[in-house]
Amino acid sequence: MATRRLTDRTLQALKRAEPGKRYEVMDSEVRGLGVRVNDRGRKTFILIARYPGSRHPARRSLGKYGVMTLGDAREEARANYWVRVSTKQPKTSMRIRQAMNVALLSTT
């Protein structure tokens, strides 16, 4: 996994992966945040973190680039860190926040 400071310009410049493969580029600004690029060129923000009760880090999808901005992804990754520190059920809290975001976007 390559690490670099992600910007909108670098995200737009990322090329498709080879057919049948995908690759990840991690952000140097927010620990655990990265973007996964597949062979179709779709870019998805991911968060790699160790959750309570697990020995190994897990990758969680945060959202697609274009639908979610880089700033939103960084904010979500930072918020997820505090959820993991303060609660034993981060996945439930993440789903609640996502539902709140969808409700907020649909009203505007």
PDB file of N, CA and C in Angstrom:
ATOM      1  N   MET A   1       0.837  -1.173   0.000  1.00  0.00           N
ATOM      2  CA  MET A   1       0.000   0.000   0.000  1.00  0.00           C
ATOM      3  C   MET A   1       0.882   1.236   0.000  1.00  0.00           C
ATOM      4  N   ALA A   2       0.663   2.069  -0.957  1.00  0.00           N
ATOM      5  CA  ALA A   2       1.393   3.328  -1.032  1.00  0.00           C
ATOM      6  C   ALA A   2       0.771   4.338  -0.074  1.00  0.00           C
ATOM      7  N   THR A   3       1.598   5.214   0.484  1.00  0.00           N
ATOM      8  CA  THR A   3       1.110   6.265   1.377  1.00  0.00           C
ATOM      9  C   THR A   3       1.506   7.611   0.799  1.00  0.00           C
ATOM     10  N   ARG A   4       0.527   8.498   0.706  1.00  0.00           N
ATOM     11  CA  ARG A   4       0.805   9.863   0.276  1.00  0.00           C
ATOM     12  C   ARG A   4      -0.291  10.777   0.792  1.00  0.00           C
ATOM     13  N   ARG A   5      -0.046  12.063   0.732  1.00  0.00           N
ATOM     14  CA  ARG A   5      -1.063  13.011   1.169  1.00  0.00           C
ATOM     15  C   ARG A   5      -2.131  13.073   0.084  1.00  0.00           C
ATOM     16  N   LEU A   6      -3.330  12.659   0.433  1.00  0.00           N
ATOM     17  CA  LEU A   6      -4.419  12.652  -0.538  1.00  0.00           C
ATOM     18  C   LEU A   6      -4.992  14.056  -0.695  1.00  0.00           C
ATOM     19  N   THR A   7      -5.190  14.448  -1.930  1.00  0.00           N
ATOM     20  CA  THR A   7      -5.871  15.687  -2.278  1.00  0.00           C
ATOM     21  C   THR A   7      -6.854  15.355  -3.383  1.00  0.00           C
ATOM     22  N   ASP A   8      -7.751  16.284  -3.684  1.00  0.00           N
ATOM     23  CA  ASP A   8      -8.685  16.036  -4.777  1.00  0.00           C
ATOM     24  C   ASP A   8      -7.936  15.805  -6.089  1.00  0.00           C
ATOM     25  N   ARG A   9      -6.862  16.534  -6.266  1.00  0.00           N
ATOM     26  CA  ARG A   9      -6.079  16.388  -7.496  1.00  0.00           C
ATOM     27  C   ARG A   9      -5.444  15.001  -7.603  1.00  0.00           C
ATOM     28  N   THR A  10      -4.882  14.506  -6.498  1.00  0.00           N
ATOM     29  CA  THR A  10      -4.267  13.170  -6.546  1.00  0.00           C
ATOM     30  C   THR A  10      -5.330  12.088  -6.712  1.00  0.00           C
ATOM     31  N   LEU A  11      -6.503  12.279  -6.102  1.00  0.00           N
ATOM     32  CA  LEU A  11      -7.579  11.296  -6.259  1.00  0.00           C
ATOM     33  C   LEU A  11      -8.046  11.227  -7.708  1.00  0.00           C
ATOM     34  N   GLN A  12      -8.168  12.371  -8.357  1.00  0.00           N
ATOM     35  CA  GLN A  12      -8.599  12.389  -9.751  1.00  0.00           C
ATOM     36  C   GLN A  12      -7.548  11.777 -10.673  1.00  0.00           C
ATOM     37  N   ALA A  13      -6.280  11.876 -10.273  1.00  0.00           N
ATOM     38  CA  ALA A  13      -5.199  11.372 -11.109  1.00  0.00           C
ATOM     39  C   ALA A  13      -4.955   9.867 -10.954  1.00  0.00           C
ATOM     40  N   LEU A  14      -5.575   9.234  -9.977  1.00  0.00           N
ATOM     41  CA  LEU A  14      -5.382   7.797  -9.791  1.00  0.00           C
ATOM     42  C   LEU A  14      -5.934   7.032 -10.984  1.00  0.00           C
ATOM     43  N   LYS A  15      -5.139   6.104 -11.483  1.00  0.00           N
ATOM     44  CA  LYS A  15      -5.527   5.330 -12.658  1.00  0.00           C
ATOM     45  C   LYS A  15      -6.207   4.033 -12.253  1.00  0.00           C
ATOM     46  N   ARG A  16      -6.902   3.441 -13.201  1.00  0.00           N
ATOM     47  CA  ARG A  16      -7.558   2.156 -12.975  1.00  0.00           C
ATOM     48  C   ARG A  16      -6.536   1.095 -12.601  1.00  0.00           C
ATOM     49  N   ALA A  17      -7.001   0.109 -11.866  1.00  0.00           N
ATOM     50  CA  ALA A  17      -6.148  -1.037 -11.552  1.00  0.00           C
ATOM     51  C   ALA A  17      -6.129  -1.969 -12.760  1.00  0.00           C
ATOM     52  N   GLU A  18      -5.222  -2.907 -12.755  1.00  0.00           N
ATOM     53  CA  GLU A  18      -5.166  -3.908 -13.819  1.00  0.00           C
ATOM     54  C   GLU A  18      -6.441  -4.746 -13.780  1.00  0.00           C
ATOM     55  N   PRO A  19      -6.841  -5.314 -14.898  1.00  0.00           N
ATOM     56  CA  PRO A  19      -8.073  -6.118 -14.928  1.00  0.00           C
ATOM     57  C   PRO A  19      -8.076  -7.219 -13.865  1.00  0.00           C
ATOM     58  N   GLY A  20      -9.172  -7.268 -13.102  1.00  0.00           N
ATOM     59  CA  GLY A  20      -9.322  -8.276 -12.061  1.00  0.00           C
ATOM     60  C   GLY A  20      -8.598  -7.954 -10.766  1.00  0.00           C
ATOM     61  N   LYS A  21      -8.009  -6.777 -10.659  1.00  0.00           N
ATOM     62  CA  LYS A  21      -7.255  -6.412  -9.463  1.00  0.00           C
ATOM     63  C   LYS A  21      -7.746  -5.077  -8.925  1.00  0.00           C
ATOM     64  N   ARG A  22      -7.221  -4.706  -7.759  1.00  0.00           N
ATOM     65  CA  ARG A  22      -7.480  -3.402  -7.174  1.00  0.00           C
ATOM     66  C   ARG A  22      -6.280  -3.018  -6.328  1.00  0.00           C
ATOM     67  N   TYR A  23      -6.152  -1.743  -6.042  1.00  0.00           N
ATOM     68  CA  TYR A  23      -5.056  -1.291  -5.198  1.00  0.00           C
ATOM     69  C   TYR A  23      -5.542  -0.205  -4.256  1.00  0.00           C
ATOM     70  N   GLU A  24      -4.752   0.036  -3.210  1.00  0.00           N
ATOM     71  CA  GLU A  24      -5.100   1.015  -2.193  1.00  0.00           C
ATOM     72  C   GLU A  24      -3.993   2.031  -2.038  1.00  0.00           C
ATOM     73  N   VAL A  25      -4.392   3.277  -1.799  1.00  0.00           N
ATOM     74  CA  VAL A  25      -3.458   4.352  -1.496  1.00  0.00           C
ATOM     75  C   VAL A  25      -3.911   4.944  -0.172  1.00  0.00           C
ATOM     76  N   MET A  26      -3.012   4.958   0.804  1.00  0.00           N
ATOM     77  CA  MET A  26      -3.354   5.432   2.141  1.00  0.00           C
ATOM     78  C   MET A  26      -3.000   6.902   2.298  1.00  0.00           C
ATOM     79  N   ASP A  27      -3.786   7.597   3.109  1.00  0.00           N
ATOM     80  CA  ASP A  27      -3.586   9.015   3.376  1.00  0.00           C
ATOM     81  C   ASP A  27      -2.530   9.183   4.463  1.00  0.00           C
ATOM     82  N   SER A  28      -1.617  10.112   4.269  1.00  0.00           N
ATOM     83  CA  SER A  28      -0.593  10.356   5.276  1.00  0.00           C
ATOM     84  C   SER A  28      -1.092  11.327   6.349  1.00  0.00           C
ATOM     85  N   GLU A  29      -2.219  11.985   6.113  1.00  0.00           N
ATOM     86  CA  GLU A  29      -2.731  12.969   7.067  1.00  0.00           C
ATOM     87  C   GLU A  29      -3.598  12.334   8.155  1.00  0.00           C
ATOM     88  N   VAL A  30      -4.453  11.385   7.788  1.00  0.00           N
ATOM     89  CA  VAL A  30      -5.339  10.724   8.754  1.00  0.00           C
ATOM     90  C   VAL A  30      -5.004   9.233   8.769  1.00  0.00           C
ATOM     91  N   ARG A  31      -4.590   8.764   9.918  1.00  0.00           N
ATOM     92  CA  ARG A  31      -4.163   7.373  10.041  1.00  0.00           C
ATOM     93  C   ARG A  31      -5.324   6.413   9.790  1.00  0.00           C
ATOM     94  N   GLY A  32      -5.068   5.426   8.932  1.00  0.00           N
ATOM     95  CA  GLY A  32      -6.068   4.407   8.634  1.00  0.00           C
ATOM     96  C   GLY A  32      -6.965   4.736   7.455  1.00  0.00           C
ATOM     97  N   LEU A  33      -6.971   5.991   7.005  1.00  0.00           N
ATOM     98  CA  LEU A  33      -7.821   6.385   5.876  1.00  0.00           C
ATOM     99  C   LEU A  33      -7.096   6.116   4.568  1.00  0.00           C
ATOM    100  N   GLY A  34      -7.830   5.608   3.608  1.00  0.00           N
ATOM    101  CA  GLY A  34      -7.254   5.346   2.299  1.00  0.00           C
ATOM    102  C   GLY A  34      -8.324   5.349   1.234  1.00  0.00           C
ATOM    103  N   VAL A  35      -7.886   5.140   0.012  1.00  0.00           N
ATOM    104  CA  VAL A  35      -8.821   5.020  -1.102  1.00  0.00           C
ATOM    105  C   VAL A  35      -8.471   3.747  -1.859  1.00  0.00           C
ATOM    106  N   ARG A  36      -9.498   2.988  -2.214  1.00  0.00           N
ATOM    107  CA  ARG A  36      -9.323   1.753  -2.969  1.00  0.00           C
ATOM    108  C   ARG A  36      -9.790   2.017  -4.391  1.00  0.00           C
ATOM    109  N   VAL A  37      -8.964   1.630  -5.373  1.00  0.00           N
ATOM    110  CA  VAL A  37      -9.284   1.822  -6.791  1.00  0.00           C
ATOM    111  C   VAL A  37      -9.404   0.447  -7.437  1.00  0.00           C
ATOM    112  N   ASN A  38     -10.534   0.207  -8.119  1.00  0.00           N
ATOM    113  CA  ASN A  38     -10.711  -1.100  -8.760  1.00  0.00           C
ATOM    114  C   ASN A  38     -10.416  -1.015 -10.255  1.00  0.00           C
ATOM    115  N   ASP A  39     -10.625  -2.118 -10.951  1.00  0.00           N
ATOM    116  CA  ASP A  39     -10.287  -2.174 -12.374  1.00  0.00           C
ATOM    117  C   ASP A  39     -11.236  -1.358 -13.250  1.00  0.00           C
ATOM    118  N   ARG A  40     -12.362  -0.929 -12.710  1.00  0.00           N
ATOM    119  CA  ARG A  40     -13.273  -0.055 -13.456  1.00  0.00           C
ATOM    120  C   ARG A  40     -12.985   1.421 -13.224  1.00  0.00           C
ATOM    121  N   GLY A  41     -12.054   1.701 -12.316  1.00  0.00           N
ATOM    122  CA  GLY A  41     -11.695   3.074 -12.008  1.00  0.00           C
ATOM    123  C   GLY A  41     -12.505   3.657 -10.862  1.00  0.00           C
ATOM    124  N   ARG A  42     -13.358   2.861 -10.229  1.00  0.00           N
ATOM    125  CA  ARG A  42     -14.169   3.340  -9.107  1.00  0.00           C
ATOM    126  C   ARG A  42     -13.274   3.518  -7.889  1.00  0.00           C
ATOM    127  N   LYS A  43     -13.414   4.672  -7.250  1.00  0.00           N
ATOM    128  CA  LYS A  43     -12.615   5.000  -6.074  1.00  0.00           C
ATOM    129  C   LYS A  43     -13.523   5.012  -4.849  1.00  0.00           C
ATOM    130  N   THR A  44     -13.140   4.239  -3.835  1.00  0.00           N
ATOM    131  CA  THR A  44     -13.921   4.123  -2.617  1.00  0.00           C
ATOM    132  C   THR A  44     -13.032   4.433  -1.426  1.00  0.00           C
ATOM    133  N   PHE A  45     -13.515   5.309  -0.536  1.00  0.00           N
ATOM    134  CA  PHE A  45     -12.772   5.602   0.687  1.00  0.00           C
ATOM    135  C   PHE A  45     -12.913   4.414   1.631  1.00  0.00           C
ATOM    136  N   ILE A  46     -11.795   4.044   2.254  1.00  0.00           N
ATOM    137  CA  ILE A  46     -11.796   2.937   3.205  1.00  0.00           C
ATOM    138  C   ILE A  46     -11.136   3.385   4.504  1.00  0.00           C
ATOM    139  N   LEU A  47     -11.454   2.671   5.553  1.00  0.00           N
ATOM    140  CA  LEU A  47     -10.835   2.901   6.850  1.00  0.00           C
ATOM    141  C   LEU A  47     -10.323   1.558   7.342  1.00  0.00           C
ATOM    142  N   ILE A  48      -9.043   1.503   7.632  1.00  0.00           N
ATOM    143  CA  ILE A  48      -8.431   0.283   8.174  1.00  0.00           C
ATOM    144  C   ILE A  48      -8.171   0.539   9.649  1.00  0.00           C
ATOM    145  N   ALA A  49      -8.814  -0.255  10.498  1.00  0.00           N
ATOM    146  CA  ALA A  49      -8.681  -0.050  11.936  1.00  0.00           C
ATOM    147  C   ALA A  49      -8.887  -1.368  12.665  1.00  0.00           C
ATOM    148  N   ARG A  50      -8.359  -1.425  13.858  1.00  0.00           N
ATOM    149  CA  ARG A  50      -8.572  -2.586  14.719  1.00  0.00           C
ATOM    150  C   ARG A  50      -9.730  -2.245  15.646  1.00  0.00           C
ATOM    151  N   TYR A  51     -10.755  -3.053  15.601  1.00  0.00           N
ATOM    152  CA  TYR A  51     -11.952  -2.814  16.390  1.00  0.00           C
ATOM    153  C   TYR A  51     -11.933  -3.668  17.644  1.00  0.00           C
ATOM    154  N   PRO A  52     -12.607  -3.224  18.698  1.00  0.00           N
ATOM    155  CA  PRO A  52     -12.626  -4.001  19.948  1.00  0.00           C
ATOM    156  C   PRO A  52     -13.114  -5.430  19.716  1.00  0.00           C
ATOM    157  N   GLY A  53     -12.422  -6.372  20.327  1.00  0.00           N
ATOM    158  CA  GLY A  53     -12.790  -7.772  20.201  1.00  0.00           C
ATOM    159  C   GLY A  53     -12.163  -8.470  19.006  1.00  0.00           C
ATOM    160  N   SER A  54     -11.355  -7.760  18.245  1.00  0.00           N
ATOM    161  CA  SER A  54     -10.726  -8.343  17.068  1.00  0.00           C
ATOM    162  C   SER A  54      -9.207  -8.233  17.185  1.00  0.00           C
ATOM    163  N   ARG A  55      -8.520  -9.266  16.764  1.00  0.00           N
ATOM    164  CA  ARG A  55      -7.056  -9.247  16.796  1.00  0.00           C
ATOM    165  C   ARG A  55      -6.458  -8.562  15.576  1.00  0.00           C
ATOM    166  N   HIS A  56      -7.197  -8.608  14.486  1.00  0.00           N
ATOM    167  CA  HIS A  56      -6.649  -8.127  13.223  1.00  0.00           C
ATOM    168  C   HIS A  56      -7.380  -6.877  12.740  1.00  0.00           C
ATOM    169  N   PRO A  57      -6.678  -5.997  12.029  1.00  0.00           N
ATOM    170  CA  PRO A  57      -7.342  -4.812  11.477  1.00  0.00           C
ATOM    171  C   PRO A  57      -8.367  -5.206  10.417  1.00  0.00           C
ATOM    172  N   ALA A  58      -9.417  -4.426  10.320  1.00  0.00           N
ATOM    173  CA  ALA A  58     -10.479  -4.672   9.335  1.00  0.00           C
ATOM    174  C   ALA A  58     -10.627  -3.457   8.436  1.00  0.00           C
ATOM    175  N   ARG A  59     -10.973  -3.716   7.178  1.00  0.00           N
ATOM    176  CA  ARG A  59     -11.218  -2.627   6.234  1.00  0.00           C
ATOM    177  C   ARG A  59     -12.718  -2.379   6.187  1.00  0.00           C
ATOM    178  N   ARG A  60     -13.094  -1.116   6.340  1.00  0.00           N
ATOM    179  CA  ARG A  60     -14.500  -0.728   6.251  1.00  0.00           C
ATOM    180  C   ARG A  60     -14.629   0.337   5.174  1.00  0.00           C
ATOM    181  N   SER A  61     -15.640   0.204   4.357  1.00  0.00           N
ATOM    182  CA  SER A  61     -15.915   1.182   3.310  1.00  0.00           C
ATOM    183  C   SER A  61     -16.623   2.381   3.933  1.00  0.00           C
ATOM    184  N   LEU A  62     -16.157   3.590   3.613  1.00  0.00           N
ATOM    185  CA  LEU A  62     -16.787   4.804   4.122  1.00  0.00           C
ATOM    186  C   LEU A  62     -17.734   5.415   3.099  1.00  0.00           C
ATOM    187  N   GLY A  63     -17.400   5.297   1.823  1.00  0.00           N
ATOM    188  CA  GLY A  63     -18.236   5.866   0.774  1.00  0.00           C
ATOM    189  C   GLY A  63     -17.455   6.014  -0.518  1.00  0.00           C
ATOM    190  N   LYS A  64     -18.168   6.298  -1.586  1.00  0.00           N
ATOM    191  CA  LYS A  64     -17.539   6.440  -2.893  1.00  0.00           C
ATOM    192  C   LYS A  64     -17.066   7.874  -3.109  1.00  0.00           C
ATOM    193  N   TYR A  65     -15.897   7.998  -3.734  1.00  0.00           N
ATOM    194  CA  TYR A  65     -15.390   9.313  -4.080  1.00  0.00           C
ATOM    195  C   TYR A  65     -16.298   9.899  -5.153  1.00  0.00           C
ATOM    196  N   GLY A  66     -16.705  11.121  -4.964  1.00  0.00           N
ATOM    197  CA  GLY A  66     -17.671  11.757  -5.846  1.00  0.00           C
ATOM    198  C   GLY A  66     -18.965  11.980  -5.096  1.00  0.00           C
ATOM    199  N   VAL A  67     -19.419  10.937  -4.398  1.00  0.00           N
ATOM    200  CA  VAL A  67     -20.588  11.068  -3.529  1.00  0.00           C
ATOM    201  C   VAL A  67     -20.136  11.670  -2.202  1.00  0.00           C
ATOM    202  N   MET A  68     -18.983  11.211  -1.734  1.00  0.00           N
ATOM    203  CA  MET A  68     -18.387  11.697  -0.493  1.00  0.00           C
ATOM    204  C   MET A  68     -17.123  12.463  -0.843  1.00  0.00           C
ATOM    205  N   THR A  69     -16.923  13.613  -0.232  1.00  0.00           N
ATOM    206  CA  THR A  69     -15.723  14.388  -0.495  1.00  0.00           C
ATOM    207  C   THR A  69     -14.577  13.880   0.384  1.00  0.00           C
ATOM    208  N   LEU A  70     -13.378  14.293   0.050  1.00  0.00           N
ATOM    209  CA  LEU A  70     -12.211  13.917   0.838  1.00  0.00           C
ATOM    210  C   LEU A  70     -12.327  14.461   2.257  1.00  0.00           C
ATOM    211  N   GLY A  71     -12.803  15.676   2.398  1.00  0.00           N
ATOM    212  CA  GLY A  71     -12.989  16.269   3.726  1.00  0.00           C
ATOM    213  C   GLY A  71     -13.984  15.486   4.563  1.00  0.00           C
ATOM    214  N   ASP A  72     -15.075  15.045   3.928  1.00  0.00           N
ATOM    215  CA  ASP A  72     -16.071  14.232   4.637  1.00  0.00           C
ATOM    216  C   ASP A  72     -15.469  12.902   5.080  1.00  0.00           C
ATOM    217  N   ALA A  73     -14.658  12.295   4.220  1.00  0.00           N
ATOM    218  CA  ALA A  73     -14.031  11.013   4.551  1.00  0.00           C
ATOM    219  C   ALA A  73     -13.057  11.178   5.715  1.00  0.00           C
ATOM    220  N   ARG A  74     -12.291  12.259   5.714  1.00  0.00           N
ATOM    221  CA  ARG A  74     -11.363  12.503   6.826  1.00  0.00           C
ATOM    222  C   ARG A  74     -12.131  12.740   8.125  1.00  0.00           C
ATOM    223  N   GLU A  75     -13.209  13.495   8.042  1.00  0.00           N
ATOM    224  CA  GLU A  75     -14.030  13.748   9.228  1.00  0.00           C
ATOM    225  C   GLU A  75     -14.635  12.450   9.760  1.00  0.00           C
ATOM    226  N   GLU A  76     -15.122  11.612   8.872  1.00  0.00           N
ATOM    227  CA  GLU A  76     -15.717  10.323   9.264  1.00  0.00           C
ATOM    228  C   GLU A  76     -14.661   9.418   9.900  1.00  0.00           C
ATOM    229  N   ALA A  77     -13.445   9.405   9.343  1.00  0.00           N
ATOM    230  CA  ALA A  77     -12.369   8.576   9.896  1.00  0.00           C
ATOM    231  C   ALA A  77     -11.981   9.050  11.293  1.00  0.00           C
ATOM    232  N   ARG A  78     -11.908  10.362  11.477  1.00  0.00           N
ATOM    233  CA  ARG A  78     -11.584  10.891  12.810  1.00  0.00           C
ATOM    234  C   ARG A  78     -12.706  10.589  13.799  1.00  0.00           C
ATOM    235  N   ALA A  79     -13.947  10.749  13.375  1.00  0.00           N
ATOM    236  CA  ALA A  79     -15.088  10.453  14.250  1.00  0.00           C
ATOM    237  C   ALA A  79     -15.117   8.970  14.603  1.00  0.00           C
ATOM    238  N   ASN A  80     -14.789   8.125  13.640  1.00  0.00           N
ATOM    239  CA  ASN A  80     -14.789   6.687  13.880  1.00  0.00           C
ATOM    240  C   ASN A  80     -13.746   6.311  14.927  1.00  0.00           C
ATOM    241  N   TYR A  81     -12.626   7.021  14.946  1.00  0.00           N
ATOM    242  CA  TYR A  81     -11.603   6.756  15.958  1.00  0.00           C
ATOM    243  C   TYR A  81     -12.178   6.977  17.355  1.00  0.00           C
ATOM    244  N   TRP A  82     -12.880   8.080  17.552  1.00  0.00           N
ATOM    245  CA  TRP A  82     -13.425   8.381  18.874  1.00  0.00           C
ATOM    246  C   TRP A  82     -14.539   7.418  19.238  1.00  0.00           C
ATOM    247  N   VAL A  83     -15.293   6.950  18.258  1.00  0.00           N
ATOM    248  CA  VAL A  83     -16.330   5.953  18.537  1.00  0.00           C
ATOM    249  C   VAL A  83     -15.677   4.655  19.002  1.00  0.00           C
ATOM    250  N   ARG A  84     -14.606   4.233  18.331  1.00  0.00           N
ATOM    251  CA  ARG A  84     -13.933   2.993  18.719  1.00  0.00           C
ATOM    252  C   ARG A  84     -13.344   3.101  20.105  1.00  0.00           C
ATOM    253  N   VAL A  85     -12.852   4.277  20.462  1.00  0.00           N
ATOM    254  CA  VAL A  85     -12.262   4.471  21.780  1.00  0.00           C
ATOM    255  C   VAL A  85     -13.337   4.483  22.860  1.00  0.00           C
ATOM    256  N   SER A  86     -14.497   5.062  22.557  1.00  0.00           N
ATOM    257  CA  SER A  86     -15.504   5.287  23.591  1.00  0.00           C
ATOM    258  C   SER A  86     -16.586   4.219  23.684  1.00  0.00           C
ATOM    259  N   THR A  87     -16.698   3.320  22.711  1.00  0.00           N
ATOM    260  CA  THR A  87     -17.785   2.344  22.749  1.00  0.00           C
ATOM    261  C   THR A  87     -17.312   0.979  22.270  1.00  0.00           C
ATOM    262  N   LYS A  88     -18.067  -0.024  22.573  1.00  0.00           N
ATOM    263  CA  LYS A  88     -17.749  -1.384  22.144  1.00  0.00           C
ATOM    264  C   LYS A  88     -18.462  -1.749  20.847  1.00  0.00           C
ATOM    265  N   GLN A  89     -19.391  -0.914  20.358  1.00  0.00           N
ATOM    266  CA  GLN A  89     -20.171  -1.207  19.164  1.00  0.00           C
ATOM    267  C   GLN A  89     -19.977  -0.128  18.089  1.00  0.00           C
ATOM    268  N   PRO A  90     -18.794  -0.005  17.496  1.00  0.00           N
ATOM    269  CA  PRO A  90     -18.555   1.057  16.527  1.00  0.00           C
ATOM    270  C   PRO A  90     -19.377   0.909  15.249  1.00  0.00           C
ATOM    271  N   LYS A  91     -19.661  -0.325  14.829  1.00  0.00           N
ATOM    272  CA  LYS A  91     -20.396  -0.523  13.585  1.00  0.00           C
ATOM    273  C   LYS A  91     -21.817   0.026  13.711  1.00  0.00           C
ATOM    274  N   THR A  92     -22.442  -0.187  14.856  1.00  0.00           N
ATOM    275  CA  THR A  92     -23.787   0.332  15.094  1.00  0.00           C
ATOM    276  C   THR A  92     -23.771   1.852  15.090  1.00  0.00           C
ATOM    277  N   SER A  93     -22.793   2.441  15.758  1.00  0.00           N
ATOM    278  CA  SER A  93     -22.690   3.895  15.795  1.00  0.00           C
ATOM    279  C   SER A  93     -22.450   4.465  14.413  1.00  0.00           C
ATOM    280  N   MET A  94     -21.637   3.773  13.589  1.00  0.00           N
ATOM    281  CA  MET A  94     -21.363   4.238  12.237  1.00  0.00           C
ATOM    282  C   MET A  94     -22.648   4.209  11.404  1.00  0.00           C
ATOM    283  N   ARG A  95     -23.446   3.153  11.556  1.00  0.00           N
ATOM    284  CA  ARG A  95     -24.699   3.064  10.803  1.00  0.00           C
ATOM    285  C   ARG A  95     -25.669   4.161  11.214  1.00  0.00           C
ATOM    286  N   ILE A  96     -25.708   4.486  12.495  1.00  0.00           N
ATOM    287  CA  ILE A  96     -26.573   5.566  12.963  1.00  0.00           C
ATOM    288  C   ILE A  96     -26.132   6.888  12.350  1.00  0.00           C
ATOM    289  N   ARG A  97     -24.816   7.162  12.355  1.00  0.00           N
ATOM    290  CA  ARG A  97     -24.305   8.409  11.761  1.00  0.00           C
ATOM    291  C   ARG A  97     -24.590   8.459  10.267  1.00  0.00           C
ATOM    292  N   GLN A  98     -24.435   7.333   9.566  1.00  0.00           N
ATOM    293  CA  GLN A  98     -24.718   7.309   8.134  1.00  0.00           C
ATOM    294  C   GLN A  98     -26.188   7.577   7.868  1.00  0.00           C
ATOM    295  N   ALA A  99     -27.078   7.003   8.669  1.00  0.00           N
ATOM    296  CA  ALA A  99     -28.513   7.246   8.507  1.00  0.00           C
ATOM    297  C   ALA A  99     -28.838   8.708   8.768  1.00  0.00           C
ATOM    298  N   MET A 100     -28.178   9.294   9.752  1.00  0.00           N
ATOM    299  CA  MET A 100     -28.401  10.719  10.056  1.00  0.00           C
ATOM    300  C   MET A 100     -27.911  11.579   8.894  1.00  0.00           C
ATOM    301  N   ASN A 101     -26.768  11.224   8.294  1.00  0.00           N
ATOM    302  CA  ASN A 101     -26.248  11.976   7.161  1.00  0.00           C
ATOM    303  C   ASN A 101     -27.181  11.886   5.959  1.00  0.00           C
ATOM    304  N   VAL A 102     -27.733  10.698   5.690  1.00  0.00           N
ATOM    305  CA  VAL A 102     -28.657  10.514   4.584  1.00  0.00           C
ATOM    306  C   VAL A 102     -29.921  11.344   4.816  1.00  0.00           C
ATOM    307  N   ALA A 103     -30.419  11.326   6.047  1.00  0.00           N
ATOM    308  CA  ALA A 103     -31.612  12.114   6.371  1.00  0.00           C
ATOM    309  C   ALA A 103     -31.335  13.592   6.205  1.00  0.00           C
ATOM    310  N   LEU A 104     -30.151  14.033   6.621  1.00  0.00           N
ATOM    311  CA  LEU A 104     -29.785  15.435   6.513  1.00  0.00           C
ATOM    312  C   LEU A 104     -29.663  15.845   5.048  1.00  0.00           C
ATOM    313  N   LEU A 105     -29.047  15.001   4.225  1.00  0.00           N
ATOM    314  CA  LEU A 105     -28.882  15.318   2.807  1.00  0.00           C
ATOM    315  C   LEU A 105     -30.209  15.331   2.073  1.00  0.00           C
ATOM    316  N   SER A 106     -31.141  14.464   2.473  1.00  0.00           N
ATOM    317  CA  SER A 106     -32.419  14.398   1.775  1.00  0.00           C
ATOM    318  C   SER A 106     -33.316  15.582   2.109  1.00  0.00           C
ATOM    319  N   THR A 107     -33.067  16.249   3.231  1.00  0.00           N
ATOM    320  CA  THR A 107     -33.883  17.406   3.589  1.00  0.00           C
ATOM    321  C   THR A 107     -33.373  18.688   2.963  1.00  0.00           C
ATOM    322  N   THR A 108     -32.128  18.682   2.486  1.00  0.00           N
ATOM    323  CA  THR A 108     -31.574  19.906   1.883  1.00  0.00           C
ATOM    324  C   THR A 108     -31.676  19.882   0.393  1.00  0.00           C
TER     325      THR A 108
END
